Amino acid sequence: MPRLYDQRGRLIDFATYVQLHLDNPGCEHVASERVGPYWVSTLWFGIDSGSVPAPRQPGSRRAPAVYRTMVERLENRAPDPGVFGLTPDTMRYASEADARAGHAQVVETLRDAIQSATAERPAVRA
């Protein structure tokens, strides 16, 4: 069984993990929004999906990545988010604060990419 963590990065057992969800439905939701042809959502999974540097903890080696931002294409013709450097490995976080900041960065990256694409192909007036 994978290692489980609460929202503060503390190791918990499966019963505690389930109880967190029962006590607070929707506790995994951090942020979500539509950006052009993409849906961006950031969630707390609580399941260690690898580790990320622990930047604010001198001497700490790594912290469990229990938050993740996902980008879903809502239109088939939209470019894969990977072309903007948005890959699953770059959108994992150890804390809610980092997850919120990461979510905002992903949204900004997508908005900039959409704006650049629109500027390169201006609308033709009829």
N, C-alpha and C. Protein backbone atom coordinates (compact mmCIF):
# COMPACT_ATOMS: atom_id res chain seq x y z
N MET A 1 0.84 -1.18 0.00
CA MET A 1 0.00 0.00 0.00
C MET A 1 0.89 1.25 0.00
N PRO A 2 0.50 2.25 -0.80
CA PRO A 2 1.32 3.47 -0.83
C PRO A 2 1.24 4.22 0.48
N ARG A 3 2.22 5.07 0.71
CA ARG A 3 2.22 5.90 1.91
C ARG A 3 1.19 6.99 1.75
N LEU A 4 0.47 7.27 2.84
CA LEU A 4 -0.59 8.27 2.83
C LEU A 4 -0.22 9.42 3.76
N TYR A 5 -0.62 10.63 3.36
CA TYR A 5 -0.29 11.83 4.12
C TYR A 5 -1.50 12.74 4.22
N ASP A 6 -1.59 13.48 5.33
CA ASP A 6 -2.67 14.47 5.44
C ASP A 6 -2.26 15.73 4.68
N GLN A 7 -3.09 16.77 4.75
CA GLN A 7 -2.84 17.99 4.01
C GLN A 7 -1.60 18.74 4.48
N ARG A 8 -1.14 18.44 5.68
CA ARG A 8 0.07 19.09 6.20
C ARG A 8 1.33 18.25 5.99
N GLY A 9 1.19 17.14 5.28
CA GLY A 9 2.34 16.31 4.97
C GLY A 9 2.72 15.33 6.05
N ARG A 10 1.83 15.10 7.01
CA ARG A 10 2.12 14.13 8.08
C ARG A 10 1.65 12.74 7.65
N LEU A 11 2.47 11.75 7.90
CA LEU A 11 2.16 10.37 7.57
C LEU A 11 0.93 9.92 8.36
N ILE A 12 -0.04 9.30 7.67
CA ILE A 12 -1.27 8.81 8.32
C ILE A 12 -1.57 7.40 7.85
N ASP A 13 -2.44 6.72 8.57
CA ASP A 13 -2.84 5.38 8.16
C ASP A 13 -4.10 5.46 7.29
N PHE A 14 -4.50 4.33 6.73
CA PHE A 14 -5.63 4.31 5.80
C PHE A 14 -6.93 4.73 6.48
N ALA A 15 -7.16 4.30 7.71
CA ALA A 15 -8.39 4.66 8.42
C ALA A 15 -8.48 6.18 8.61
N THR A 16 -7.38 6.82 8.92
CA THR A 16 -7.36 8.28 9.08
C THR A 16 -7.62 8.96 7.75
N TYR A 17 -7.02 8.42 6.68
CA TYR A 17 -7.22 8.95 5.33
C TYR A 17 -8.71 8.92 4.96
N VAL A 18 -9.36 7.81 5.21
CA VAL A 18 -10.79 7.67 4.92
C VAL A 18 -11.59 8.62 5.80
N GLN A 19 -11.24 8.71 7.07
CA GLN A 19 -11.98 9.59 7.98
C GLN A 19 -11.87 11.06 7.57
N LEU A 20 -10.71 11.47 7.07
CA LEU A 20 -10.55 12.85 6.58
C LEU A 20 -11.58 13.15 5.49
N HIS A 21 -11.78 12.19 4.58
CA HIS A 21 -12.75 12.37 3.50
C HIS A 21 -14.19 12.32 4.00
N LEU A 22 -14.46 11.48 4.98
CA LEU A 22 -15.81 11.39 5.53
C LEU A 22 -16.18 12.65 6.32
N ASP A 23 -15.23 13.17 7.08
CA ASP A 23 -15.47 14.35 7.90
C ASP A 23 -15.58 15.63 7.07
N ASN A 24 -14.92 15.65 5.92
CA ASN A 24 -14.86 16.87 5.12
C ASN A 24 -14.98 16.52 3.63
N PRO A 25 -16.19 16.22 3.15
CA PRO A 25 -16.35 15.90 1.73
C PRO A 25 -15.82 17.05 0.87
N GLY A 26 -15.09 16.70 -0.15
CA GLY A 26 -14.51 17.71 -1.02
C GLY A 26 -13.19 18.27 -0.53
N CYS A 27 -12.65 17.67 0.55
CA CYS A 27 -11.41 18.19 1.13
C CYS A 27 -10.24 18.13 0.15
N GLU A 28 -10.36 17.31 -0.88
CA GLU A 28 -9.26 17.19 -1.82
C GLU A 28 -9.17 18.37 -2.79
N HIS A 29 -10.25 19.13 -2.92
CA HIS A 29 -10.28 20.26 -3.86
C HIS A 29 -9.46 21.43 -3.34
N VAL A 30 -8.53 21.91 -4.15
CA VAL A 30 -7.73 23.08 -3.82
C VAL A 30 -8.16 24.25 -4.70
N ALA A 31 -8.15 24.04 -6.02
CA ALA A 31 -8.54 25.09 -6.96
C ALA A 31 -8.86 24.46 -8.30
N SER A 32 -9.73 25.13 -9.07
CA SER A 32 -10.02 24.68 -10.43
C SER A 32 -10.60 25.83 -11.22
N GLU A 33 -10.32 25.82 -12.51
CA GLU A 33 -10.87 26.84 -13.40
C GLU A 33 -10.62 26.47 -14.85
N ARG A 34 -11.43 27.07 -15.70
CA ARG A 34 -11.28 26.88 -17.13
C ARG A 34 -10.38 27.99 -17.67
N VAL A 35 -9.45 27.57 -18.52
CA VAL A 35 -8.56 28.51 -19.20
C VAL A 35 -8.62 28.18 -20.68
N GLY A 36 -9.41 28.94 -21.43
CA GLY A 36 -9.57 28.65 -22.86
C GLY A 36 -10.05 27.22 -23.05
N PRO A 37 -9.31 26.44 -23.86
CA PRO A 37 -9.73 25.07 -24.12
C PRO A 37 -9.23 24.05 -23.10
N TYR A 38 -8.86 24.51 -21.89
CA TYR A 38 -8.31 23.62 -20.87
C TYR A 38 -9.09 23.75 -19.57
N TRP A 39 -9.11 22.66 -18.80
CA TRP A 39 -9.63 22.68 -17.44
C TRP A 39 -8.44 22.40 -16.53
N VAL A 40 -8.16 23.32 -15.62
CA VAL A 40 -7.03 23.19 -14.70
C VAL A 40 -7.59 22.91 -13.30
N SER A 41 -7.16 21.82 -12.70
CA SER A 41 -7.60 21.51 -11.35
C SER A 41 -6.41 21.07 -10.51
N THR A 42 -6.43 21.53 -9.28
CA THR A 42 -5.38 21.20 -8.32
C THR A 42 -6.04 20.53 -7.13
N LEU A 43 -5.51 19.36 -6.77
CA LEU A 43 -6.12 18.53 -5.74
C LEU A 43 -5.08 18.02 -4.75
N TRP A 44 -5.56 17.76 -3.54
CA TRP A 44 -4.78 17.01 -2.56
C TRP A 44 -5.20 15.56 -2.72
N PHE A 45 -4.24 14.71 -3.04
CA PHE A 45 -4.52 13.28 -3.15
C PHE A 45 -4.17 12.56 -1.86
N GLY A 46 -3.15 13.02 -1.18
CA GLY A 46 -2.72 12.38 0.05
C GLY A 46 -1.91 11.12 -0.17
N ILE A 47 -1.75 10.75 -1.42
CA ILE A 47 -0.98 9.55 -1.78
C ILE A 47 0.37 10.02 -2.30
N ASP A 48 1.42 9.55 -1.70
CA ASP A 48 2.76 9.97 -2.10
C ASP A 48 3.04 9.55 -3.53
N SER A 49 3.19 10.55 -4.41
CA SER A 49 3.47 10.26 -5.82
C SER A 49 4.90 10.61 -6.16
N GLY A 50 5.79 10.39 -5.22
CA GLY A 50 7.19 10.73 -5.41
C GLY A 50 7.54 11.81 -4.41
N SER A 51 8.61 12.51 -4.65
CA SER A 51 8.99 13.55 -3.72
C SER A 51 9.41 14.80 -4.48
N VAL A 52 9.33 15.90 -3.79
CA VAL A 52 9.74 17.19 -4.33
C VAL A 52 10.66 17.84 -3.30
N PRO A 53 11.51 18.76 -3.73
CA PRO A 53 12.37 19.44 -2.75
C PRO A 53 11.52 20.15 -1.71
N ALA A 54 11.98 20.19 -0.50
CA ALA A 54 11.29 20.90 0.58
C ALA A 54 11.99 22.24 0.75
N PRO A 55 11.58 23.27 -0.01
CA PRO A 55 12.35 24.51 -0.07
C PRO A 55 12.43 25.30 1.22
N ARG A 56 11.42 25.25 2.06
CA ARG A 56 11.43 26.08 3.25
C ARG A 56 11.91 25.33 4.49
N GLN A 57 12.49 24.18 4.28
CA GLN A 57 12.93 23.39 5.42
C GLN A 57 14.41 23.06 5.29
N PRO A 58 15.29 23.97 5.71
CA PRO A 58 16.73 23.70 5.60
C PRO A 58 17.08 22.37 6.27
N GLY A 59 17.89 21.62 5.59
CA GLY A 59 18.33 20.34 6.13
C GLY A 59 17.40 19.20 5.77
N SER A 60 16.21 19.50 5.31
CA SER A 60 15.27 18.46 4.91
C SER A 60 15.60 18.02 3.49
N ARG A 61 15.65 16.72 3.28
CA ARG A 61 16.03 16.22 1.97
C ARG A 61 14.91 16.38 0.95
N ARG A 62 13.82 15.73 1.16
CA ARG A 62 12.71 15.77 0.21
C ARG A 62 11.40 15.70 0.99
N ALA A 63 10.32 16.15 0.35
CA ALA A 63 9.00 16.10 0.97
C ALA A 63 8.08 15.30 0.06
N PRO A 64 7.12 14.58 0.61
CA PRO A 64 6.22 13.79 -0.22
C PRO A 64 5.34 14.70 -1.09
N ALA A 65 5.16 14.34 -2.34
CA ALA A 65 4.32 15.10 -3.27
C ALA A 65 2.89 14.58 -3.14
N VAL A 66 2.08 15.27 -2.36
CA VAL A 66 0.71 14.80 -2.11
C VAL A 66 -0.34 15.69 -2.78
N TYR A 67 0.09 16.77 -3.42
CA TYR A 67 -0.80 17.64 -4.19
C TYR A 67 -0.39 17.56 -5.65
N ARG A 68 -1.36 17.76 -6.53
CA ARG A 68 -1.05 17.69 -7.96
C ARG A 68 -2.01 18.59 -8.74
N THR A 69 -1.47 19.24 -9.76
CA THR A 69 -2.28 20.01 -10.71
C THR A 69 -2.40 19.18 -11.97
N MET A 70 -3.60 19.13 -12.49
CA MET A 70 -3.86 18.41 -13.74
C MET A 70 -4.46 19.37 -14.75
N VAL A 71 -4.09 19.19 -16.01
CA VAL A 71 -4.63 20.00 -17.09
C VAL A 71 -5.31 19.07 -18.07
N GLU A 72 -6.59 19.30 -18.29
CA GLU A 72 -7.38 18.47 -19.21
C GLU A 72 -7.75 19.31 -20.42
N ARG A 73 -7.53 18.74 -21.59
CA ARG A 73 -7.95 19.42 -22.83
C ARG A 73 -9.45 19.24 -22.99
N LEU A 74 -10.16 20.34 -23.19
CA LEU A 74 -11.60 20.29 -23.40
C LEU A 74 -11.95 20.27 -24.88
N GLU A 75 -10.96 20.58 -25.72
CA GLU A 75 -11.13 20.56 -27.17
C GLU A 75 -10.01 19.74 -27.77
N ASN A 76 -10.35 18.84 -28.65
CA ASN A 76 -9.35 17.95 -29.26
C ASN A 76 -8.25 18.69 -30.00
N ARG A 77 -8.57 19.83 -30.58
CA ARG A 77 -7.56 20.55 -31.37
C ARG A 77 -6.60 21.38 -30.51
N ALA A 78 -6.87 21.50 -29.24
CA ALA A 78 -5.98 22.24 -28.34
C ALA A 78 -4.65 21.49 -28.21
N PRO A 79 -3.54 22.23 -28.21
CA PRO A 79 -2.24 21.56 -28.05
C PRO A 79 -2.15 20.81 -26.71
N ASP A 80 -1.40 19.74 -26.72
CA ASP A 80 -1.14 19.01 -25.49
C ASP A 80 -0.44 19.95 -24.50
N PRO A 81 -0.85 19.98 -23.24
CA PRO A 81 -0.22 20.88 -22.27
C PRO A 81 1.29 20.65 -22.13
N GLY A 82 1.75 19.47 -22.49
CA GLY A 82 3.18 19.18 -22.41
C GLY A 82 4.03 20.09 -23.28
N VAL A 83 3.46 20.63 -24.37
CA VAL A 83 4.23 21.52 -25.23
C VAL A 83 4.55 22.83 -24.53
N PHE A 84 3.84 23.14 -23.46
CA PHE A 84 4.10 24.34 -22.67
C PHE A 84 4.94 24.03 -21.44
N GLY A 85 5.46 22.82 -21.36
CA GLY A 85 6.26 22.40 -20.21
C GLY A 85 5.42 21.95 -19.02
N LEU A 86 4.12 21.75 -19.25
CA LEU A 86 3.22 21.34 -18.16
C LEU A 86 3.05 19.82 -18.20
N THR A 87 3.91 19.14 -17.48
CA THR A 87 3.88 17.68 -17.43
C THR A 87 3.54 17.25 -16.01
N PRO A 88 3.04 16.04 -15.84
CA PRO A 88 2.71 15.58 -14.47
C PRO A 88 3.86 15.72 -13.48
N ASP A 89 5.09 15.56 -13.93
CA ASP A 89 6.23 15.66 -13.02
C ASP A 89 6.50 17.10 -12.58
N THR A 90 6.05 18.09 -13.38
CA THR A 90 6.32 19.48 -13.01
C THR A 90 5.19 20.09 -12.20
N MET A 91 4.12 19.34 -11.99
CA MET A 91 2.96 19.90 -11.31
C MET A 91 2.59 19.10 -10.06
N ARG A 92 3.62 18.77 -9.26
CA ARG A 92 3.43 18.05 -8.00
C ARG A 92 3.96 18.92 -6.88
N TYR A 93 3.28 18.87 -5.73
CA TYR A 93 3.65 19.78 -4.64
C TYR A 93 3.54 19.06 -3.29
N ALA A 94 4.27 19.57 -2.32
CA ALA A 94 4.27 18.98 -0.98
C ALA A 94 3.34 19.71 -0.03
N SER A 95 2.99 20.96 -0.32
CA SER A 95 2.14 21.72 0.60
C SER A 95 1.01 22.39 -0.16
N GLU A 96 -0.03 22.74 0.58
CA GLU A 96 -1.16 23.42 -0.06
C GLU A 96 -0.75 24.79 -0.59
N ALA A 97 0.10 25.49 0.13
CA ALA A 97 0.56 26.80 -0.33
C ALA A 97 1.31 26.67 -1.66
N ASP A 98 2.19 25.67 -1.76
CA ASP A 98 2.90 25.44 -3.01
C ASP A 98 1.95 25.01 -4.12
N ALA A 99 0.94 24.22 -3.75
CA ALA A 99 -0.05 23.78 -4.75
C ALA A 99 -0.84 24.96 -5.29
N ARG A 100 -1.24 25.88 -4.42
CA ARG A 100 -1.97 27.07 -4.87
C ARG A 100 -1.10 27.94 -5.78
N ALA A 101 0.15 28.13 -5.38
CA ALA A 101 1.08 28.91 -6.20
C ALA A 101 1.33 28.21 -7.54
N GLY A 102 1.48 26.89 -7.50
CA GLY A 102 1.68 26.13 -8.73
C GLY A 102 0.47 26.20 -9.64
N HIS A 103 -0.72 26.13 -9.06
CA HIS A 103 -1.95 26.25 -9.84
C HIS A 103 -1.98 27.60 -10.56
N ALA A 104 -1.69 28.66 -9.83
CA ALA A 104 -1.68 30.00 -10.42
C ALA A 104 -0.66 30.09 -11.55
N GLN A 105 0.50 29.47 -11.39
CA GLN A 105 1.54 29.49 -12.42
C GLN A 105 1.09 28.73 -13.67
N VAL A 106 0.42 27.59 -13.50
CA VAL A 106 -0.09 26.82 -14.64
C VAL A 106 -1.13 27.65 -15.39
N VAL A 107 -2.04 28.28 -14.66
CA VAL A 107 -3.07 29.11 -15.29
C VAL A 107 -2.42 30.25 -16.07
N GLU A 108 -1.43 30.90 -15.47
CA GLU A 108 -0.73 32.00 -16.14
C GLU A 108 -0.01 31.51 -17.40
N THR A 109 0.64 30.36 -17.31
CA THR A 109 1.33 29.79 -18.47
C THR A 109 0.36 29.53 -19.61
N LEU A 110 -0.78 28.94 -19.30
CA LEU A 110 -1.78 28.65 -20.34
C LEU A 110 -2.36 29.94 -20.92
N ARG A 111 -2.67 30.91 -20.08
CA ARG A 111 -3.21 32.19 -20.58
C ARG A 111 -2.21 32.87 -21.50
N ASP A 112 -0.93 32.88 -21.11
CA ASP A 112 0.10 33.49 -21.96
C ASP A 112 0.21 32.76 -23.30
N ALA A 113 0.15 31.43 -23.27
CA ALA A 113 0.25 30.65 -24.51
C ALA A 113 -0.94 30.92 -25.42
N ILE A 114 -2.12 31.00 -24.84
CA ILE A 114 -3.33 31.26 -25.63
C ILE A 114 -3.28 32.67 -26.20
N GLN A 115 -2.84 33.63 -25.39
CA GLN A 115 -2.75 35.01 -25.86
C GLN A 115 -1.72 35.13 -26.98
N SER A 116 -0.59 34.45 -26.84
CA SER A 116 0.44 34.49 -27.89
C SER A 116 -0.08 33.88 -29.18
N ALA A 117 -0.78 32.76 -29.07
CA ALA A 117 -1.32 32.11 -30.27
C ALA A 117 -2.35 33.00 -30.95
N THR A 118 -3.15 33.70 -30.17
CA THR A 118 -4.17 34.60 -30.73
C THR A 118 -3.51 35.81 -31.37
N ALA A 119 -2.46 36.34 -30.77
CA ALA A 119 -1.75 37.50 -31.31
C ALA A 119 -1.07 37.16 -32.64
N GLU A 120 -0.59 35.92 -32.77
CA GLU A 120 0.06 35.50 -34.00
C GLU A 120 -0.94 35.29 -35.13
N ARG A 121 -2.19 34.98 -34.78
CA ARG A 121 -3.23 34.75 -35.78
C ARG A 121 -4.41 35.67 -35.49
N PRO A 122 -4.26 36.97 -35.81
CA PRO A 122 -5.36 37.89 -35.52
C PRO A 122 -6.62 37.54 -36.34
N ALA A 123 -7.74 37.93 -35.81
CA ALA A 123 -9.01 37.66 -36.50
C ALA A 123 -9.05 38.45 -37.81
N VAL A 124 -9.60 37.84 -38.83
CA VAL A 124 -9.75 38.48 -40.14
C VAL A 124 -11.11 39.15 -40.17
N ARG A 125 -11.09 40.42 -40.55
CA ARG A 125 -12.37 41.15 -40.63
C ARG A 125 -13.06 40.82 -41.93
N ALA A 126 -14.34 40.63 -41.82
CA ALA A 126 -15.14 40.30 -43.02
C ALA A 126 -15.53 41.55 -43.76
